[in-house]
Amino acid sequence: MATCDVALVRQGGVNFAIVCVADHVINSTSSSEQMVRAWTYELGVPVALMGARQHNTYGRRDIVDWLSNVHPGRLPWRRATLS
């Protein structure tokens, strides 16, 4: 089980989630894909990943583009566990 900070967002009528992960996850395409699939299944919405320290992003282009214009401190973070 993985525990991460997750922000559930509704923007322009679209629900999606941002999941904060360790930076090394973002640097590995296979790890990133695996995390996106797992969290998408768990949360039931599209997911983009954000690195915890460097704030690099990975995921759907529209979500990543939106996230590039938002300061991470403005997102509604909560703790969630992947079952």
N, C-alpha and C. Protein backbone atom coordinates (compact mmCIF):
# COMPACT_ATOMS: atom_id res chain seq x y z
N MET A 1 0.84 -1.19 0.00
CA MET A 1 0.00 0.00 0.00
C MET A 1 0.88 1.24 0.00
N ALA A 2 0.48 2.21 -0.80
CA ALA A 2 1.20 3.48 -0.86
C ALA A 2 0.31 4.58 -0.29
N THR A 3 0.90 5.44 0.51
CA THR A 3 0.18 6.60 1.03
C THR A 3 0.80 7.83 0.41
N CYS A 4 -0.05 8.68 -0.17
CA CYS A 4 0.41 9.88 -0.86
C CYS A 4 -0.51 11.04 -0.54
N ASP A 5 -0.03 12.24 -0.81
CA ASP A 5 -0.89 13.41 -0.77
C ASP A 5 -1.59 13.49 -2.12
N VAL A 6 -2.90 13.69 -2.08
CA VAL A 6 -3.71 13.71 -3.29
C VAL A 6 -4.58 14.96 -3.27
N ALA A 7 -4.68 15.61 -4.42
CA ALA A 7 -5.58 16.77 -4.57
C ALA A 7 -6.63 16.40 -5.60
N LEU A 8 -7.89 16.37 -5.18
CA LEU A 8 -9.00 16.14 -6.10
C LEU A 8 -9.48 17.49 -6.60
N VAL A 9 -9.56 17.64 -7.91
CA VAL A 9 -9.83 18.94 -8.52
C VAL A 9 -10.98 18.80 -9.51
N ARG A 10 -11.80 19.84 -9.57
CA ARG A 10 -12.82 19.96 -10.61
C ARG A 10 -12.56 21.30 -11.30
N GLN A 11 -12.21 21.23 -12.56
CA GLN A 11 -11.86 22.43 -13.32
C GLN A 11 -12.54 22.35 -14.68
N GLY A 12 -13.31 23.35 -15.02
CA GLY A 12 -13.97 23.37 -16.32
C GLY A 12 -14.88 22.18 -16.54
N GLY A 13 -15.52 21.70 -15.47
CA GLY A 13 -16.43 20.57 -15.57
C GLY A 13 -15.74 19.22 -15.63
N VAL A 14 -14.43 19.19 -15.47
CA VAL A 14 -13.67 17.94 -15.52
C VAL A 14 -13.11 17.63 -14.13
N ASN A 15 -13.35 16.42 -13.65
CA ASN A 15 -12.78 15.97 -12.38
C ASN A 15 -11.48 15.22 -12.66
N PHE A 16 -10.46 15.51 -11.87
CA PHE A 16 -9.18 14.82 -11.99
C PHE A 16 -8.45 14.92 -10.67
N ALA A 17 -7.32 14.22 -10.57
CA ALA A 17 -6.55 14.22 -9.34
C ALA A 17 -5.08 14.46 -9.64
N ILE A 18 -4.43 15.10 -8.69
CA ILE A 18 -2.98 15.27 -8.70
C ILE A 18 -2.46 14.43 -7.53
N VAL A 19 -1.49 13.58 -7.80
CA VAL A 19 -0.91 12.73 -6.76
C VAL A 19 0.55 13.12 -6.60
N CYS A 20 0.93 13.47 -5.38
CA CYS A 20 2.30 13.86 -5.08
C CYS A 20 3.10 12.58 -4.78
N VAL A 21 4.17 12.38 -5.54
CA VAL A 21 4.99 11.17 -5.42
C VAL A 21 6.46 11.57 -5.25
N ALA A 22 7.28 10.61 -4.87
CA ALA A 22 8.72 10.84 -4.78
C ALA A 22 9.26 11.21 -6.16
N ASP A 23 10.23 12.08 -6.21
CA ASP A 23 10.77 12.56 -7.48
C ASP A 23 11.29 11.43 -8.36
N HIS A 24 11.84 10.37 -7.77
CA HIS A 24 12.38 9.28 -8.58
C HIS A 24 11.28 8.57 -9.36
N VAL A 25 10.05 8.61 -8.89
CA VAL A 25 8.93 8.01 -9.63
C VAL A 25 8.70 8.75 -10.95
N ILE A 26 8.77 10.07 -10.90
CA ILE A 26 8.58 10.89 -12.11
C ILE A 26 9.69 10.62 -13.11
N ASN A 27 10.88 10.33 -12.62
CA ASN A 27 12.04 10.11 -13.50
C ASN A 27 12.05 8.74 -14.17
N SER A 28 11.12 7.87 -13.81
CA SER A 28 11.03 6.53 -14.39
C SER A 28 9.69 6.39 -15.10
N THR A 29 9.73 6.25 -16.42
CA THR A 29 8.50 6.14 -17.19
C THR A 29 7.66 4.95 -16.73
N SER A 30 8.29 3.82 -16.50
CA SER A 30 7.51 2.63 -16.09
C SER A 30 6.88 2.83 -14.71
N SER A 31 7.61 3.41 -13.78
CA SER A 31 7.06 3.69 -12.45
C SER A 31 5.93 4.70 -12.53
N SER A 32 6.11 5.73 -13.36
CA SER A 32 5.08 6.75 -13.52
C SER A 32 3.80 6.16 -14.09
N GLU A 33 3.94 5.35 -15.14
CA GLU A 33 2.77 4.72 -15.76
C GLU A 33 2.05 3.82 -14.77
N GLN A 34 2.81 3.06 -14.00
CA GLN A 34 2.22 2.16 -13.02
C GLN A 34 1.45 2.95 -11.96
N MET A 35 2.03 4.03 -11.47
CA MET A 35 1.36 4.85 -10.45
C MET A 35 0.10 5.52 -11.01
N VAL A 36 0.18 6.03 -12.23
CA VAL A 36 -0.99 6.66 -12.84
C VAL A 36 -2.12 5.64 -12.97
N ARG A 37 -1.81 4.45 -13.47
CA ARG A 37 -2.84 3.41 -13.61
C ARG A 37 -3.46 3.05 -12.26
N ALA A 38 -2.62 2.84 -11.26
CA ALA A 38 -3.11 2.42 -9.95
C ALA A 38 -3.99 3.49 -9.30
N TRP A 39 -3.54 4.74 -9.33
CA TRP A 39 -4.33 5.81 -8.71
C TRP A 39 -5.58 6.14 -9.51
N THR A 40 -5.52 6.02 -10.84
CA THR A 40 -6.71 6.23 -11.65
C THR A 40 -7.77 5.20 -11.29
N TYR A 41 -7.36 3.96 -11.15
CA TYR A 41 -8.28 2.90 -10.75
C TYR A 41 -8.84 3.17 -9.35
N GLU A 42 -7.98 3.55 -8.42
CA GLU A 42 -8.39 3.79 -7.03
C GLU A 42 -9.34 4.97 -6.90
N LEU A 43 -9.05 6.06 -7.60
CA LEU A 43 -9.83 7.29 -7.44
C LEU A 43 -10.98 7.42 -8.44
N GLY A 44 -10.90 6.70 -9.54
CA GLY A 44 -11.96 6.75 -10.54
C GLY A 44 -11.97 8.00 -11.39
N VAL A 45 -10.85 8.73 -11.41
CA VAL A 45 -10.72 9.93 -12.24
C VAL A 45 -9.33 9.93 -12.87
N PRO A 46 -9.14 10.69 -13.96
CA PRO A 46 -7.80 10.82 -14.53
C PRO A 46 -6.82 11.38 -13.49
N VAL A 47 -5.57 10.95 -13.58
CA VAL A 47 -4.55 11.32 -12.60
C VAL A 47 -3.30 11.85 -13.28
N ALA A 48 -2.71 12.89 -12.69
CA ALA A 48 -1.38 13.35 -13.06
C ALA A 48 -0.53 13.27 -11.80
N LEU A 49 0.75 13.04 -11.98
CA LEU A 49 1.69 12.95 -10.86
C LEU A 49 2.50 14.23 -10.75
N MET A 50 2.87 14.56 -9.52
CA MET A 50 3.76 15.70 -9.29
C MET A 50 4.84 15.26 -8.32
N GLY A 51 6.10 15.53 -8.65
CA GLY A 51 7.21 15.20 -7.77
C GLY A 51 7.18 16.03 -6.51
N ALA A 52 7.49 15.41 -5.39
CA ALA A 52 7.37 16.06 -4.09
C ALA A 52 8.32 17.24 -3.90
N ARG A 53 9.52 17.15 -4.39
CA ARG A 53 10.50 18.22 -4.16
C ARG A 53 10.68 19.14 -5.36
N GLN A 54 10.85 18.54 -6.54
CA GLN A 54 11.14 19.36 -7.73
C GLN A 54 9.89 19.79 -8.47
N HIS A 55 8.75 19.22 -8.10
CA HIS A 55 7.46 19.55 -8.71
C HIS A 55 7.40 19.28 -10.21
N ASN A 56 8.23 18.33 -10.68
CA ASN A 56 8.09 17.87 -12.06
C ASN A 56 6.76 17.14 -12.17
N THR A 57 6.20 17.10 -13.37
CA THR A 57 4.89 16.49 -13.55
C THR A 57 4.91 15.40 -14.60
N TYR A 58 3.91 14.52 -14.51
CA TYR A 58 3.76 13.44 -15.47
C TYR A 58 2.28 13.09 -15.55
N GLY A 59 1.77 12.93 -16.75
CA GLY A 59 0.37 12.51 -16.91
C GLY A 59 -0.25 13.11 -18.15
N ARG A 60 -1.58 13.12 -18.14
CA ARG A 60 -2.31 13.65 -19.28
C ARG A 60 -1.91 15.09 -19.56
N ARG A 61 -1.67 15.39 -20.82
CA ARG A 61 -1.16 16.71 -21.21
C ARG A 61 -2.06 17.85 -20.72
N ASP A 62 -3.38 17.72 -20.82
CA ASP A 62 -4.27 18.81 -20.40
C ASP A 62 -4.16 19.06 -18.90
N ILE A 63 -4.02 18.00 -18.11
CA ILE A 63 -3.88 18.17 -16.66
C ILE A 63 -2.52 18.77 -16.32
N VAL A 64 -1.48 18.26 -16.95
CA VAL A 64 -0.12 18.77 -16.72
C VAL A 64 -0.04 20.25 -17.12
N ASP A 65 -0.64 20.63 -18.24
CA ASP A 65 -0.64 22.03 -18.66
C ASP A 65 -1.36 22.90 -17.65
N TRP A 66 -2.50 22.45 -17.15
CA TRP A 66 -3.24 23.20 -16.14
C TRP A 66 -2.40 23.34 -14.87
N LEU A 67 -1.78 22.25 -14.47
CA LEU A 67 -0.99 22.24 -13.24
C LEU A 67 0.21 23.18 -13.32
N SER A 68 0.74 23.39 -14.51
CA SER A 68 1.90 24.28 -14.66
C SER A 68 1.57 25.72 -14.30
N ASN A 69 0.28 26.07 -14.26
CA ASN A 69 -0.14 27.43 -13.94
C ASN A 69 -0.69 27.58 -12.52
N VAL A 70 -0.55 26.53 -11.71
CA VAL A 70 -1.10 26.54 -10.36
C VAL A 70 0.01 26.25 -9.35
N HIS A 71 0.10 27.07 -8.32
CA HIS A 71 1.09 26.82 -7.26
C HIS A 71 0.61 25.62 -6.44
N PRO A 72 1.50 24.66 -6.15
CA PRO A 72 1.11 23.46 -5.42
C PRO A 72 0.43 23.75 -4.07
N GLY A 73 0.79 24.85 -3.44
CA GLY A 73 0.19 25.21 -2.15
C GLY A 73 -1.27 25.59 -2.25
N ARG A 74 -1.76 25.85 -3.44
CA ARG A 74 -3.16 26.23 -3.63
C ARG A 74 -4.07 25.03 -3.89
N LEU A 75 -3.50 23.85 -4.00
CA LEU A 75 -4.30 22.65 -4.27
C LEU A 75 -4.87 22.09 -2.96
N PRO A 76 -6.05 21.47 -3.03
CA PRO A 76 -6.70 20.94 -1.83
C PRO A 76 -6.18 19.55 -1.44
N TRP A 77 -4.96 19.52 -0.90
CA TRP A 77 -4.30 18.25 -0.59
C TRP A 77 -4.97 17.54 0.57
N ARG A 78 -4.96 16.20 0.47
CA ARG A 78 -5.38 15.34 1.58
C ARG A 78 -4.56 14.05 1.47
N ARG A 79 -4.47 13.32 2.55
CA ARG A 79 -3.70 12.08 2.59
C ARG A 79 -4.61 10.95 2.11
N ALA A 80 -4.11 10.11 1.22
CA ALA A 80 -4.88 8.96 0.72
C ALA A 80 -3.96 7.75 0.64
N THR A 81 -4.56 6.58 0.84
CA THR A 81 -3.80 5.34 0.77
C THR A 81 -4.32 4.49 -0.37
N LEU A 82 -3.40 4.01 -1.17
CA LEU A 82 -3.71 3.13 -2.30
C LEU A 82 -3.90 1.73 -1.74
N SER A 83 -5.07 1.16 -1.97
CA SER A 83 -5.33 -0.18 -1.41
C SER A 83 -4.91 -1.29 -2.34
